[in-house]
Structures are given as structure tokens and as C-alpha cells.
Amino acid sequence: MRIDIVTIFPEMVEPVVRCSMLARGQQAGVLQIHTVDLRQFTHDRHRTTDDAPFGGGAGMVMKPEPFFEAVEALREQAGWVPARIVVTTPQGRLFNQRMAVEFAQVPHLILLCGHYEGIDERVCQYLATDEVSIGDYVLTGGELPALVIADAVARLVPGVLGNPESLQQDSFVDGLLAPPQYTRPAEYRGYRVPDVLLSGHHAQIARWRRLQRLLRTRERRPDLWQKVQLTPEDLKLLREAEEG
């Protein structure tokens, strides 16, 4: 998979994509991540990427021409394979795990980072395939949202994670939060790991973890809980927990 992050501040992005799983995926040859300086696609001596808004108002708006030219050049480099072109904006759909899975299905992901008062609407309307927000708050630019999206998508690419089975235990995979996790020592400052996890009884451990996922989601994320499709076994686990 190829991920291009188009930004006027490549120095914010480059250190992150050289670390952790993002670096491992690139070293394994299953992932390419390119930091693209938007200013390379300007044609004036000042390398201008923004201008005053039509109609007046505070701040500056990022110009459409560099974004269009950058995306066209990147798509040509990638051989015009299927791509998702994402603008990070507070007006976009709220990013979630389901969207990360969608993006991971295409061979090319282009993330466009906005700044100032935003990007010219023609980029969003005629160039981008998706407008995405990572939350109901405002950041100084689109680099951090782009990195969040890139990280969430990259870990789903086969070969990036050392243990792909761990993906099945992630929060949100089936609409539930992940269960609590423990490691050595079994007791620390009087706080013990639940006995069932030390029992070696895999079926009981699986049932305990499923129950914890149900209880955590119901308690902490009622918005998710409303959408959960409970199985007969789930109902039995909850009933037993409430009775006892």
C-alpha cells in the first residue's frame, strides 16, 4: 500500500512515519509512506499556497491549484491505481475503525492537510473522495489528523503487524471495546491479576474476556452499546454476571 501525506509542514510528518509500526511496514516492503511538500506544486517565486478569501473575512484560504497538481502527479507516479483522496476537515465524517478498514482496501491513500481557514471548497468538491474529521475540536492544521488516519490504516495492511491475530482483539472490530489486559507480575502492591487469567483454562478465559468487553462497552460507551448485536451467549454471560 502507498500512503502520500501532502502538507506544507513536512517536518511535522517525517519523524513520525520513521518510527514504530509505520517504519516496520516500510522496511518489510508492504507499505510506502511519502511526505509530499505542497509547495513543490506552486509556480511563483514565493511558493504561495494560500490567499485571501473571496467575500472577505479573517484568515487565509489554501489555494486549489497546488492540491490538484499534487494529486495528479502522485496518482501518475502510482500508476493510476484505485485511490482514496482524503481531506482532513472538521466538516468531514467522523473517523472510525470501519473507515480505516475501508481505506486499507485500496492500494493508494492520499491525505491532504489543510491549514488556516481551510482549503478551497473546489478541492473538497471535485478532487477529494472523502472529507474526514478525527473529532469535534479544531487543530492548527491537518498533519496530526493525517497521521492518525495513516497509523490506523497502516496497521491493517498485511505484513505490518508482527502478529496479525492481534487485530481481532482490537477495540471496535465488532463494535465492542477491548478487554482489560495484564502481564507479570501476577501481584503488584497487593493488586492481583484476575484468577481466571492464571488458570490456563482457555475456554473460561475467552468467556471472561468476552464478558469484560460487553460490560466495558455498556458502561463506558453507551453510544456503541446501542448498536451491538448481542448473541444468545452474550445474553447468557450478562445474565450470569448480574445474578452473581
Protein backbone atom coordinates (compact mmCIF):
# COMPACT_ATOMS: atom_id res chain seq x y z
CA MET A 1 0.00 0.00 0.00
CA ARG A 2 1.12 3.54 -0.73
CA ILE A 3 0.21 6.47 1.53
CA ASP A 4 1.01 10.04 0.49
CA ILE A 5 0.68 12.86 3.03
CA VAL A 6 0.53 16.26 1.31
CA THR A 7 1.48 19.11 3.62
CA ILE A 8 3.19 22.49 3.84
CA PHE A 9 4.95 21.28 7.00
CA PRO A 10 6.70 18.01 6.06
CA GLU A 11 8.94 18.39 9.10
CA MET A 12 5.90 17.64 11.28
CA VAL A 13 5.21 14.37 9.49
CA GLU A 14 8.57 12.84 8.63
CA PRO A 15 9.77 11.95 12.16
CA VAL A 16 6.53 10.07 12.87
CA VAL A 17 6.49 7.95 9.73
CA ARG A 18 10.05 6.84 10.50
CA CYS A 19 9.00 5.25 13.81
CA SER A 20 7.29 2.16 15.17
CA MET A 21 4.87 0.15 13.00
CA LEU A 22 4.94 2.70 10.19
CA ALA A 23 8.69 2.24 9.86
CA ARG A 24 8.39 -1.55 10.21
CA GLY A 25 5.84 -1.74 7.40
CA GLN A 26 8.11 0.25 5.11
CA GLN A 27 11.14 -1.87 5.99
CA ALA A 28 9.11 -5.01 5.26
CA GLY A 29 8.26 -3.69 1.82
CA VAL A 30 4.48 -3.89 2.31
CA LEU A 31 3.99 -0.16 2.89
CA GLN A 32 5.21 3.02 1.24
CA ILE A 33 4.71 6.34 3.02
CA HIS A 34 5.69 9.56 1.26
CA THR A 35 5.70 13.01 2.79
CA VAL A 36 4.92 15.44 -0.01
CA ASP A 37 5.69 19.16 0.25
CA LEU A 38 2.73 21.00 -1.26
CA ARG A 39 4.99 23.95 -2.10
CA GLN A 40 6.65 21.82 -4.80
CA PHE A 41 3.46 22.29 -6.81
CA THR A 42 3.44 26.09 -6.80
CA HIS A 43 4.73 28.25 -9.64
CA ASP A 44 5.58 31.64 -8.12
CA ARG A 45 8.87 32.66 -6.53
CA HIS A 46 7.29 32.85 -3.08
CA ARG A 47 5.86 29.29 -3.37
CA THR A 48 2.44 30.59 -2.32
CA THR A 49 -0.13 28.05 -1.14
CA ASP A 50 -2.77 30.39 0.32
CA ASP A 51 -4.64 33.59 -0.48
CA ALA A 52 -7.30 35.90 0.97
CA PRO A 53 -10.87 34.54 0.93
CA PHE A 54 -13.35 35.77 -1.66
CA GLY A 55 -16.10 37.73 0.07
CA GLY A 56 -13.78 38.92 2.81
CA GLY A 57 -13.26 37.59 6.29
CA ALA A 58 -10.45 36.74 8.64
CA GLY A 59 -7.57 34.46 7.80
CA MET A 60 -6.34 32.86 4.61
CA VAL A 61 -7.59 30.00 2.44
CA MET A 62 -5.40 27.36 0.85
CA LYS A 63 -5.36 27.59 -2.94
CA PRO A 64 -6.77 24.81 -5.14
CA GLU A 65 -4.08 24.66 -7.83
CA PRO A 66 -1.26 23.07 -5.77
CA PHE A 67 -3.57 20.38 -4.42
CA PHE A 68 -4.93 19.43 -7.84
CA GLU A 69 -1.44 19.29 -9.35
CA ALA A 70 -0.03 17.34 -6.40
CA VAL A 71 -2.76 14.70 -6.53
CA GLU A 72 -2.45 14.33 -10.30
CA ALA A 73 1.31 13.88 -10.04
CA LEU A 74 1.02 11.36 -7.20
CA ARG A 75 -1.64 9.34 -8.97
CA GLU A 76 0.51 9.21 -12.08
CA GLN A 77 3.51 8.06 -10.01
CA ALA A 78 1.37 5.28 -8.53
CA GLY A 79 0.18 4.16 -11.95
CA TRP A 80 -3.37 5.47 -11.54
CA VAL A 81 -4.31 2.59 -9.27
CA PRO A 82 -7.58 2.94 -7.29
CA ALA A 83 -7.15 5.64 -4.65
CA ARG A 84 -8.93 7.39 -1.83
CA ILE A 85 -8.15 11.10 -1.62
CA VAL A 86 -8.88 12.40 1.86
CA VAL A 87 -9.18 15.97 3.10
CA THR A 88 -8.89 16.31 6.87
CA THR A 89 -11.52 18.82 7.98
CA PRO A 90 -13.88 19.41 10.93
CA GLN A 91 -16.74 19.25 8.41
CA GLY A 92 -15.95 15.64 7.46
CA ARG A 93 -17.31 12.27 8.53
CA LEU A 94 -16.07 11.19 11.93
CA PHE A 95 -13.18 8.77 11.51
CA ASN A 96 -13.68 5.30 12.96
CA GLN A 97 -12.38 1.76 12.64
CA ARG A 98 -14.83 0.89 9.89
CA MET A 99 -13.48 3.76 7.80
CA ALA A 100 -9.91 2.64 8.47
CA VAL A 101 -10.81 -0.80 7.13
CA GLU A 102 -12.34 0.81 4.02
CA PHE A 103 -9.22 2.85 3.34
CA ALA A 104 -6.97 -0.17 3.85
CA GLN A 105 -8.69 -1.95 0.96
CA VAL A 106 -7.30 0.41 -1.70
CA PRO A 107 -3.66 0.41 -2.87
CA HIS A 108 -3.26 4.20 -2.70
CA LEU A 109 -4.28 6.65 0.01
CA ILE A 110 -3.63 10.39 -0.39
CA LEU A 111 -4.10 12.59 2.68
CA LEU A 112 -4.41 16.35 2.11
CA CYS A 113 -3.55 18.53 5.10
CA GLY A 114 -5.32 21.86 5.42
CA HIS A 115 -4.31 24.99 7.34
CA TYR A 116 -5.52 28.50 8.17
CA GLU A 117 -9.25 28.90 7.44
CA GLY A 118 -9.29 25.72 5.40
CA ILE A 119 -8.91 24.54 1.81
CA ASP A 120 -10.67 26.00 -1.22
CA GLU A 121 -14.01 24.17 -1.48
CA ARG A 122 -13.28 23.06 -5.04
CA VAL A 123 -10.65 20.68 -3.69
CA CYS A 124 -13.23 19.08 -1.39
CA GLN A 125 -15.96 19.02 -4.01
CA TYR A 126 -14.14 17.99 -7.18
CA LEU A 127 -10.85 16.37 -6.13
CA ALA A 128 -11.28 14.60 -2.81
CA THR A 129 -13.16 11.33 -2.45
CA ASP A 130 -13.59 11.78 1.31
CA GLU A 131 -13.72 14.51 3.94
CA VAL A 132 -12.75 13.17 7.34
CA SER A 133 -12.67 14.55 10.89
CA ILE A 134 -10.98 12.87 13.85
CA GLY A 135 -13.13 14.67 16.43
CA ASP A 136 -15.23 17.65 17.33
CA TYR A 137 -12.39 20.06 18.03
CA VAL A 138 -10.17 22.36 15.99
CA LEU A 139 -6.44 21.84 15.45
CA THR A 140 -3.91 24.22 13.93
CA GLY A 141 -3.52 22.03 10.85
CA GLY A 142 -4.29 18.74 9.19
CA GLU A 143 -0.98 16.97 9.86
CA LEU A 144 -1.98 15.35 13.14
CA PRO A 145 -5.31 14.05 11.77
CA ALA A 146 -3.49 12.75 8.68
CA LEU A 147 -1.01 10.86 10.87
CA VAL A 148 -3.84 9.41 12.97
CA ILE A 149 -5.54 8.14 9.82
CA ALA A 150 -2.29 6.84 8.33
CA ASP A 151 -1.43 4.94 11.51
CA ALA A 152 -4.90 3.39 11.86
CA VAL A 153 -4.91 2.30 8.22
CA ALA A 154 -1.29 1.12 8.01
CA ARG A 155 -1.61 -1.38 10.86
CA LEU A 156 -4.38 -3.12 8.88
CA VAL A 157 -2.09 -3.75 5.90
CA PRO A 158 -1.00 -7.41 5.89
CA GLY A 159 2.60 -7.72 7.00
CA VAL A 160 2.77 -4.52 9.07
CA LEU A 161 1.92 -6.08 12.43
CA GLY A 162 4.12 -8.88 13.68
CA ASN A 163 1.08 -10.80 14.96
CA PRO A 164 -1.93 -10.27 12.66
CA GLU A 165 -4.16 -12.20 15.08
CA SER A 166 -3.94 -9.25 17.46
CA LEU A 167 -6.13 -7.28 15.04
CA GLN A 168 -9.06 -9.49 16.01
CA GLN A 169 -8.69 -8.35 19.62
CA ASP A 170 -8.75 -4.64 18.86
CA SER A 171 -11.40 -2.32 20.18
CA PHE A 172 -14.20 -1.57 17.69
CA VAL A 173 -13.55 -4.62 15.47
CA ASP A 174 -17.02 -5.94 16.27
CA GLY A 175 -18.41 -2.79 17.87
CA LEU A 176 -17.08 -3.59 21.34
CA LEU A 177 -14.20 -2.20 23.38
CA ALA A 178 -11.20 -4.41 24.10
CA PRO A 179 -10.99 -6.31 27.41
CA PRO A 180 -8.55 -5.34 30.18
CA GLN A 181 -5.04 -6.74 29.74
CA TYR A 182 -2.50 -7.87 32.35
CA THR A 183 1.11 -9.10 32.41
CA ARG A 184 3.72 -10.10 35.01
CA PRO A 185 3.94 -9.83 37.96
CA ALA A 186 0.74 -11.62 38.95
CA GLU A 187 0.56 -9.46 42.08
CA TYR A 188 1.86 -5.91 42.49
CA ARG A 189 1.40 -3.81 45.62
CA GLY A 190 -1.41 -6.09 46.65
CA TYR A 191 -3.24 -5.78 43.34
CA ARG A 192 -3.78 -9.22 41.78
CA VAL A 193 -4.43 -10.29 38.24
CA PRO A 194 -7.86 -11.96 37.93
CA ASP A 195 -7.50 -15.64 38.79
CA VAL A 196 -9.18 -16.82 35.60
CA LEU A 197 -6.28 -15.43 33.54
CA LEU A 198 -3.84 -17.55 35.53
CA SER A 199 -5.94 -20.72 35.29
CA GLY A 200 -4.75 -21.90 31.89
CA HIS A 201 -8.36 -22.74 31.01
CA HIS A 202 -8.66 -21.21 27.55
CA ALA A 203 -12.43 -21.53 27.23
CA GLN A 204 -13.02 -19.81 30.56
CA ILE A 205 -10.53 -17.10 29.69
CA ALA A 206 -12.31 -16.49 26.37
CA ARG A 207 -15.69 -16.25 28.13
CA TRP A 208 -14.25 -13.85 30.75
CA ARG A 209 -12.74 -11.61 28.09
CA ARG A 210 -15.98 -11.54 26.13
CA LEU A 211 -17.90 -10.58 29.26
CA GLN A 212 -15.43 -7.82 30.07
CA ARG A 213 -15.81 -6.42 26.55
CA LEU A 214 -19.58 -6.38 26.93
CA LEU A 215 -19.51 -4.78 30.38
CA ARG A 216 -16.91 -2.17 29.42
CA THR A 217 -18.77 -1.13 26.31
CA ARG A 218 -22.10 -0.91 28.12
CA GLU A 219 -20.58 1.18 30.91
CA ARG A 220 -18.17 3.41 29.02
CA ARG A 221 -19.62 3.78 25.53
CA PRO A 222 -23.43 3.69 25.59
CA ASP A 223 -23.41 5.08 22.06
CA LEU A 224 -21.64 1.93 20.84
CA TRP A 225 -23.69 -0.31 23.09
CA GLN A 226 -26.91 0.72 21.38
CA LYS A 227 -25.59 -0.74 18.10
CA VAL A 228 -24.20 -4.03 19.44
CA GLN A 229 -25.87 -7.19 18.13
CA LEU A 230 -25.91 -9.45 21.18
CA THR A 231 -25.72 -13.21 20.65
CA PRO A 232 -27.58 -15.70 22.86
CA GLU A 233 -24.25 -16.47 24.51
CA ASP A 234 -23.72 -12.75 25.22
CA LEU A 235 -27.13 -12.53 26.87
CA LYS A 236 -26.32 -15.59 28.96
CA LEU A 237 -23.00 -14.11 30.08
CA LEU A 238 -24.63 -10.83 31.09
CA ARG A 239 -27.43 -12.60 32.92
CA GLU A 240 -24.97 -14.74 34.87
CA ALA A 241 -22.89 -11.68 35.75
CA GLU A 242 -25.94 -9.81 37.01
CA GLU A 243 -27.10 -12.77 39.08
CA GLY A 244 -23.87 -13.32 40.57
